[in-house]
Amino acid sequence: APPFCWPSPRRRCSGCGGTSMAEPTLKAASVAT
């Protein structure tokens, strides 16, 4: 997994906002920074 995103079915990921372990979405700004 990316070091800043490990989404859980119960919690939203603080890095990307994703909730599914099957298909997380990454914000372009967080990757660029």
All heavy atoms as atom14 arrays in JSON, in Angstrom:
{
  "sequence": "APPFCWPSPRRRCSGCGGTSMAEPTLKAASVAT",
  "atom14_mask": [
    [1, 1, 1, 1, 1, 0, 0, 0, 0, 0, 0, 0, 0, 0],
    [1, 1, 1, 1, 1, 1, 1, 0, 0, 0, 0, 0, 0, 0],
    [1, 1, 1, 1, 1, 1, 1, 0, 0, 0, 0, 0, 0, 0],
    [1, 1, 1, 1, 1, 1, 1, 1, 1, 1, 1, 0, 0, 0],
    [1, 1, 1, 1, 1, 1, 0, 0, 0, 0, 0, 0, 0, 0],
    [1, 1, 1, 1, 1, 1, 1, 1, 1, 1, 1, 1, 1, 1],
    [1, 1, 1, 1, 1, 1, 1, 0, 0, 0, 0, 0, 0, 0],
    [1, 1, 1, 1, 1, 1, 0, 0, 0, 0, 0, 0, 0, 0],
    [1, 1, 1, 1, 1, 1, 1, 0, 0, 0, 0, 0, 0, 0],
    [1, 1, 1, 1, 1, 1, 1, 1, 1, 1, 1, 0, 0, 0],
    [1, 1, 1, 1, 1, 1, 1, 1, 1, 1, 1, 0, 0, 0],
    [1, 1, 1, 1, 1, 1, 1, 1, 1, 1, 1, 0, 0, 0],
    [1, 1, 1, 1, 1, 1, 0, 0, 0, 0, 0, 0, 0, 0],
    [1, 1, 1, 1, 1, 1, 0, 0, 0, 0, 0, 0, 0, 0],
    [1, 1, 1, 1, 0, 0, 0, 0, 0, 0, 0, 0, 0, 0],
    [1, 1, 1, 1, 1, 1, 0, 0, 0, 0, 0, 0, 0, 0],
    [1, 1, 1, 1, 0, 0, 0, 0, 0, 0, 0, 0, 0, 0],
    [1, 1, 1, 1, 0, 0, 0, 0, 0, 0, 0, 0, 0, 0],
    [1, 1, 1, 1, 1, 1, 1, 0, 0, 0, 0, 0, 0, 0],
    [1, 1, 1, 1, 1, 1, 0, 0, 0, 0, 0, 0, 0, 0],
    [1, 1, 1, 1, 1, 1, 1, 1, 0, 0, 0, 0, 0, 0],
    [1, 1, 1, 1, 1, 0, 0, 0, 0, 0, 0, 0, 0, 0],
    [1, 1, 1, 1, 1, 1, 1, 1, 1, 0, 0, 0, 0, 0],
    [1, 1, 1, 1, 1, 1, 1, 0, 0, 0, 0, 0, 0, 0],
    [1, 1, 1, 1, 1, 1, 1, 0, 0, 0, 0, 0, 0, 0],
    [1, 1, 1, 1, 1, 1, 1, 1, 0, 0, 0, 0, 0, 0],
    [1, 1, 1, 1, 1, 1, 1, 1, 1, 0, 0, 0, 0, 0],
    [1, 1, 1, 1, 1, 0, 0, 0, 0, 0, 0, 0, 0, 0],
    [1, 1, 1, 1, 1, 0, 0, 0, 0, 0, 0, 0, 0, 0],
    [1, 1, 1, 1, 1, 1, 0, 0, 0, 0, 0, 0, 0, 0],
    [1, 1, 1, 1, 1, 1, 1, 0, 0, 0, 0, 0, 0, 0],
    [1, 1, 1, 1, 1, 0, 0, 0, 0, 0, 0, 0, 0, 0],
    [1, 1, 1, 1, 1, 1, 1, 0, 0, 0, 0, 0, 0, 0]
  ],
  "atom14_positions": [
    [[0.84, -1.19, 0.0], [0.0, 0.0, 0.0], [0.87, 1.24, 0.0], [2.0, 1.21, 0.48], [-0.88, 0.0, 1.24], [0.0, 0.0, 0.0], [0.0, 0.0, 0.0], [0.0, 0.0, 0.0], [0.0, 0.0, 0.0], [0.0, 0.0, 0.0], [0.0, 0.0, 0.0], [0.0, 0.0, 0.0], [0.0, 0.0, 0.0], [0.0, 0.0, 0.0]],
    [[0.37, 2.35, -0.52], [1.13, 3.6, -0.43], [1.35, 3.95, 1.04], [0.52, 3.62, 1.88], [0.21, 4.63, -1.1], [-0.77, 3.84, -1.88], [-0.87, 2.5, -1.25], [0.0, 0.0, 0.0], [0.0, 0.0, 0.0], [0.0, 0.0, 0.0], [0.0, 0.0, 0.0], [0.0, 0.0, 0.0], [0.0, 0.0, 0.0], [0.0, 0.0, 0.0]],
    [[2.44, 4.62, 1.37], [2.75, 4.87, 2.78], [1.75, 5.79, 3.47], [1.66, 5.8, 4.67], [4.13, 5.51, 2.74], [4.28, 6.02, 1.36], [3.46, 5.14, 0.48], [0.0, 0.0, 0.0], [0.0, 0.0, 0.0], [0.0, 0.0, 0.0], [0.0, 0.0, 0.0], [0.0, 0.0, 0.0], [0.0, 0.0, 0.0], [0.0, 0.0, 0.0]],
    [[0.99, 6.57, 2.71], [0.07, 7.52, 3.34], [-1.38, 7.09, 3.25], [-2.27, 7.81, 3.66], [0.25, 8.9, 2.72], [0.15, 8.9, 1.22], [-1.06, 8.99, 0.58], [1.29, 8.77, 0.47], [-1.12, 8.97, -0.79], [1.24, 8.74, -0.9], [0.02, 8.84, -1.53], [0.0, 0.0, 0.0], [0.0, 0.0, 0.0], [0.0, 0.0, 0.0]],
    [[-1.69, 5.92, 2.68], [-3.08, 5.53, 2.51], [-3.26, 4.05, 2.86], [-2.73, 3.17, 2.19], [-3.52, 5.77, 1.07], [-5.21, 5.26, 0.76], [0.0, 0.0, 0.0], [0.0, 0.0, 0.0], [0.0, 0.0, 0.0], [0.0, 0.0, 0.0], [0.0, 0.0, 0.0], [0.0, 0.0, 0.0], [0.0, 0.0, 0.0], [0.0, 0.0, 0.0]],
    [[-4.01, 3.76, 3.87], [-4.38, 2.4, 4.2], [-5.83, 2.44, 4.67], [-6.13, 2.47, 5.85], [-3.48, 1.83, 5.29], [-3.72, 0.37, 5.48], [-4.59, -0.21, 6.34], [-3.11, -0.69, 4.77], [-4.56, -1.56, 6.23], [-3.65, -1.89, 5.26], [-2.17, -0.75, 3.76], [-3.28, -3.14, 4.78], [-1.8, -1.99, 3.3], [-2.35, -3.16, 3.81]],
    [[-6.77, 2.53, 3.7], [-8.17, 2.69, 4.09], [-8.73, 1.45, 4.77], [-8.3, 0.34, 4.51], [-8.88, 2.97, 2.78], [-7.97, 2.45, 1.73], [-6.58, 2.52, 2.28], [0.0, 0.0, 0.0], [0.0, 0.0, 0.0], [0.0, 0.0, 0.0], [0.0, 0.0, 0.0], [0.0, 0.0, 0.0], [0.0, 0.0, 0.0], [0.0, 0.0, 0.0]],
    [[-9.7, 1.67, 5.6], [-10.36, 0.61, 6.34], [-11.85, 0.66, 6.0], [-12.39, 1.71, 5.72], [-10.14, 0.84, 7.83], [-11.11, 0.2, 8.59], [0.0, 0.0, 0.0], [0.0, 0.0, 0.0], [0.0, 0.0, 0.0], [0.0, 0.0, 0.0], [0.0, 0.0, 0.0], [0.0, 0.0, 0.0], [0.0, 0.0, 0.0], [0.0, 0.0, 0.0]],
    [[-12.56, -0.49, 6.04], [-13.99, -0.46, 5.75], [-14.77, 0.38, 6.77], [-15.83, 0.88, 6.48], [-14.43, -1.92, 5.83], [-13.19, -2.73, 5.85], [-12.07, -1.83, 6.22], [0.0, 0.0, 0.0], [0.0, 0.0, 0.0], [0.0, 0.0, 0.0], [0.0, 0.0, 0.0], [0.0, 0.0, 0.0], [0.0, 0.0, 0.0], [0.0, 0.0, 0.0]],
    [[-14.23, 0.55, 7.98], [-14.95, 1.28, 9.02], [-14.58, 2.76, 9.09], [-15.33, 3.55, 9.6], [-14.65, 0.64, 10.37], [-15.29, -0.7, 10.5], [-15.01, -1.31, 11.85], [-14.69, -2.72, 11.59], [-13.66, -3.36, 12.08], [-12.85, -2.75, 12.88], [-13.46, -4.61, 11.78], [0.0, 0.0, 0.0], [0.0, 0.0, 0.0], [0.0, 0.0, 0.0]],
    [[-13.38, 3.14, 8.65], [-12.92, 4.52, 8.77], [-12.53, 5.06, 7.41], [-12.06, 4.32, 6.56], [-11.7, 4.59, 9.7], [-12.06, 4.44, 11.13], [-10.83, 4.67, 11.94], [-10.22, 3.33, 12.13], [-9.08, 3.11, 12.72], [-8.38, 4.1, 13.15], [-8.62, 1.89, 12.86], [0.0, 0.0, 0.0], [0.0, 0.0, 0.0], [0.0, 0.0, 0.0]],
    [[-12.63, 6.35, 7.28], [-12.18, 7.0, 6.06], [-10.68, 7.25, 6.18], [-10.18, 7.59, 7.23], [-12.9, 8.32, 5.85], [-14.36, 8.12, 5.54], [-15.0, 9.41, 5.17], [-14.77, 9.78, 3.77], [-15.43, 9.28, 2.74], [-16.36, 8.37, 2.93], [-15.19, 9.69, 1.52], [0.0, 0.0, 0.0], [0.0, 0.0, 0.0], [0.0, 0.0, 0.0]],
    [[-9.97, 7.1, 5.09], [-8.53, 7.35, 5.06], [-8.3, 8.85, 5.11], [-8.95, 9.62, 4.39], [-7.92, 6.76, 3.79], [-6.19, 7.17, 3.59], [0.0, 0.0, 0.0], [0.0, 0.0, 0.0], [0.0, 0.0, 0.0], [0.0, 0.0, 0.0], [0.0, 0.0, 0.0], [0.0, 0.0, 0.0], [0.0, 0.0, 0.0], [0.0, 0.0, 0.0]],
    [[-7.39, 9.3, 5.97], [-7.11, 10.73, 6.07], [-6.33, 11.22, 4.86], [-6.36, 12.4, 4.54], [-6.34, 11.02, 7.35], [-5.1, 10.33, 7.32], [0.0, 0.0, 0.0], [0.0, 0.0, 0.0], [0.0, 0.0, 0.0], [0.0, 0.0, 0.0], [0.0, 0.0, 0.0], [0.0, 0.0, 0.0], [0.0, 0.0, 0.0], [0.0, 0.0, 0.0]],
    [[-5.63, 10.35, 4.17], [-4.82, 10.78, 3.03], [-5.62, 10.93, 1.76], [-5.44, 11.87, 1.0], [0.0, 0.0, 0.0], [0.0, 0.0, 0.0], [0.0, 0.0, 0.0], [0.0, 0.0, 0.0], [0.0, 0.0, 0.0], [0.0, 0.0, 0.0], [0.0, 0.0, 0.0], [0.0, 0.0, 0.0], [0.0, 0.0, 0.0], [0.0, 0.0, 0.0]],
    [[-6.57, 10.02, 1.49], [-7.28, 10.07, 0.22], [-8.78, 10.12, 0.36], [-9.48, 10.39, -0.6], [-6.88, 8.89, -0.65], [-7.51, 7.32, 0.0], [0.0, 0.0, 0.0], [0.0, 0.0, 0.0], [0.0, 0.0, 0.0], [0.0, 0.0, 0.0], [0.0, 0.0, 0.0], [0.0, 0.0, 0.0], [0.0, 0.0, 0.0], [0.0, 0.0, 0.0]],
    [[-9.32, 9.85, 1.53], [-10.75, 9.88, 1.73], [-11.44, 8.6, 1.33], [-12.66, 8.48, 1.43], [0.0, 0.0, 0.0], [0.0, 0.0, 0.0], [0.0, 0.0, 0.0], [0.0, 0.0, 0.0], [0.0, 0.0, 0.0], [0.0, 0.0, 0.0], [0.0, 0.0, 0.0], [0.0, 0.0, 0.0], [0.0, 0.0, 0.0], [0.0, 0.0, 0.0]],
    [[-10.72, 7.6, 0.86], [-11.32, 6.34, 0.42], [-11.79, 5.51, 1.59], [-11.28, 5.61, 2.69], [0.0, 0.0, 0.0], [0.0, 0.0, 0.0], [0.0, 0.0, 0.0], [0.0, 0.0, 0.0], [0.0, 0.0, 0.0], [0.0, 0.0, 0.0], [0.0, 0.0, 0.0], [0.0, 0.0, 0.0], [0.0, 0.0, 0.0], [0.0, 0.0, 0.0]],
    [[-12.81, 4.67, 1.34], [-13.32, 3.8, 2.39], [-13.24, 2.33, 2.01], [-13.47, 1.47, 2.82], [-14.8, 4.14, 2.7], [-15.55, 4.0, 1.5], [-14.92, 5.52, 3.27], [0.0, 0.0, 0.0], [0.0, 0.0, 0.0], [0.0, 0.0, 0.0], [0.0, 0.0, 0.0], [0.0, 0.0, 0.0], [0.0, 0.0, 0.0], [0.0, 0.0, 0.0]],
    [[-12.93, 2.02, 0.77], [-12.92, 0.63, 0.34], [-11.49, 0.14, 0.19], [-10.65, 0.83, -0.38], [-13.65, 0.51, -1.0], [-13.44, -0.77, -1.54], [0.0, 0.0, 0.0], [0.0, 0.0, 0.0], [0.0, 0.0, 0.0], [0.0, 0.0, 0.0], [0.0, 0.0, 0.0], [0.0, 0.0, 0.0], [0.0, 0.0, 0.0], [0.0, 0.0, 0.0]],
    [[-11.22, -1.05, 0.66], [-9.87, -1.6, 0.5], [-9.68, -2.11, -0.92], [-8.59, -2.35, -1.36], [-9.63, -2.73, 1.49], [-9.65, -2.23, 2.89], [-8.51, -2.87, 4.05], [-7.08, -3.37, 3.29], [0.0, 0.0, 0.0], [0.0, 0.0, 0.0], [0.0, 0.0, 0.0], [0.0, 0.0, 0.0], [0.0, 0.0, 0.0], [0.0, 0.0, 0.0]],
    [[-10.78, -2.29, -1.65], [-10.67, -2.81, -3.0], [-10.22, -1.75, -3.99], [-9.49, -2.03, -4.91], [-12.01, -3.38, -3.44], [0.0, 0.0, 0.0], [0.0, 0.0, 0.0], [0.0, 0.0, 0.0], [0.0, 0.0, 0.0], [0.0, 0.0, 0.0], [0.0, 0.0, 0.0], [0.0, 0.0, 0.0], [0.0, 0.0, 0.0], [0.0, 0.0, 0.0]],
    [[-10.65, -0.5, -3.79], [-10.33, 0.52, -4.78], [-10.13, 1.88, -4.12], [-11.03, 2.71, -4.11], [-11.44, 0.61, -5.81], [-10.91, 1.02, -7.16], [-11.97, 0.88, -8.22], [-12.6, -0.17, -8.33], [-12.14, 1.86, -8.95], [0.0, 0.0, 0.0], [0.0, 0.0, 0.0], [0.0, 0.0, 0.0], [0.0, 0.0, 0.0], [0.0, 0.0, 0.0]],
    [[-8.97, 2.18, -3.52], [-8.76, 3.49, -2.92], [-8.53, 4.54, -3.99], [-8.03, 4.24, -5.07], [-7.52, 3.3, -2.06], [-6.79, 2.21, -2.73], [-7.85, 1.3, -3.32], [0.0, 0.0, 0.0], [0.0, 0.0, 0.0], [0.0, 0.0, 0.0], [0.0, 0.0, 0.0], [0.0, 0.0, 0.0], [0.0, 0.0, 0.0], [0.0, 0.0, 0.0]],
    [[-8.9, 5.74, -3.69], [-8.65, 6.86, -4.61], [-7.62, 7.76, -3.97], [-7.67, 8.03, -2.78], [-9.94, 7.65, -4.88], [-10.43, 8.11, -3.63], [-10.97, 6.79, -5.56], [0.0, 0.0, 0.0], [0.0, 0.0, 0.0], [0.0, 0.0, 0.0], [0.0, 0.0, 0.0], [0.0, 0.0, 0.0], [0.0, 0.0, 0.0], [0.0, 0.0, 0.0]],
    [[-6.69, 8.24, -4.75], [-5.63, 9.09, -4.23], [-5.81, 10.5, -4.74], [-6.14, 10.7, -5.9], [-4.26, 8.56, -4.68], [-3.91, 7.15, -4.25], [-2.58, 6.76, -4.85], [-3.88, 7.06, -2.76], [0.0, 0.0, 0.0], [0.0, 0.0, 0.0], [0.0, 0.0, 0.0], [0.0, 0.0, 0.0], [0.0, 0.0, 0.0], [0.0, 0.0, 0.0]],
    [[-5.61, 11.47, -3.88], [-5.67, 12.85, -4.3], [-4.36, 13.2, -4.99], [-3.28, 12.86, -4.51], [-5.87, 13.77, -3.1], [-7.23, 13.65, -2.49], [-7.34, 14.62, -1.34], [-8.7, 14.55, -0.69], [-8.78, 15.41, 0.47], [0.0, 0.0, 0.0], [0.0, 0.0, 0.0], [0.0, 0.0, 0.0], [0.0, 0.0, 0.0], [0.0, 0.0, 0.0]],
    [[-4.43, 13.9, -6.09], [-3.23, 14.28, -6.82], [-2.35, 15.22, -6.01], [-1.12, 15.16, -6.07], [-3.61, 14.93, -8.15], [0.0, 0.0, 0.0], [0.0, 0.0, 0.0], [0.0, 0.0, 0.0], [0.0, 0.0, 0.0], [0.0, 0.0, 0.0], [0.0, 0.0, 0.0], [0.0, 0.0, 0.0], [0.0, 0.0, 0.0], [0.0, 0.0, 0.0]],
    [[-2.95, 16.07, -5.2], [-2.18, 17.02, -4.41], [-1.33, 16.31, -3.36], [-0.19, 16.69, -3.12], [-3.1, 18.03, -3.75], [0.0, 0.0, 0.0], [0.0, 0.0, 0.0], [0.0, 0.0, 0.0], [0.0, 0.0, 0.0], [0.0, 0.0, 0.0], [0.0, 0.0, 0.0], [0.0, 0.0, 0.0], [0.0, 0.0, 0.0], [0.0, 0.0, 0.0]],
    [[-1.9, 15.26, -2.72], [-1.13, 14.57, -1.69], [0.03, 13.8, -2.29], [1.08, 13.68, -1.69], [-2.04, 13.64, -0.89], [-2.53, 12.6, -1.72], [0.0, 0.0, 0.0], [0.0, 0.0, 0.0], [0.0, 0.0, 0.0], [0.0, 0.0, 0.0], [0.0, 0.0, 0.0], [0.0, 0.0, 0.0], [0.0, 0.0, 0.0], [0.0, 0.0, 0.0]],
    [[-0.15, 13.29, -3.51], [0.94, 12.58, -4.17], [2.02, 13.57, -4.58], [3.22, 13.32, -4.43], [0.42, 11.81, -5.41], [1.56, 11.22, -6.2], [-0.54, 10.73, -4.97], [0.0, 0.0, 0.0], [0.0, 0.0, 0.0], [0.0, 0.0, 0.0], [0.0, 0.0, 0.0], [0.0, 0.0, 0.0], [0.0, 0.0, 0.0], [0.0, 0.0, 0.0]],
    [[1.64, 14.75, -5.07], [2.61, 15.75, -5.52], [3.41, 16.29, -4.36], [4.62, 16.49, -4.47], [1.89, 16.88, -6.24], [0.0, 0.0, 0.0], [0.0, 0.0, 0.0], [0.0, 0.0, 0.0], [0.0, 0.0, 0.0], [0.0, 0.0, 0.0], [0.0, 0.0, 0.0], [0.0, 0.0, 0.0], [0.0, 0.0, 0.0], [0.0, 0.0, 0.0]],
    [[2.78, 16.52, -3.21], [3.52, 17.07, -2.07], [4.43, 16.03, -1.46], [5.46, 16.37, -0.89], [2.56, 17.6, -0.99], [1.68, 16.56, -0.62], [1.79, 18.8, -1.5], [0.0, 0.0, 0.0], [0.0, 0.0, 0.0], [0.0, 0.0, 0.0], [0.0, 0.0, 0.0], [0.0, 0.0, 0.0], [0.0, 0.0, 0.0], [0.0, 0.0, 0.0]]
  ]
}
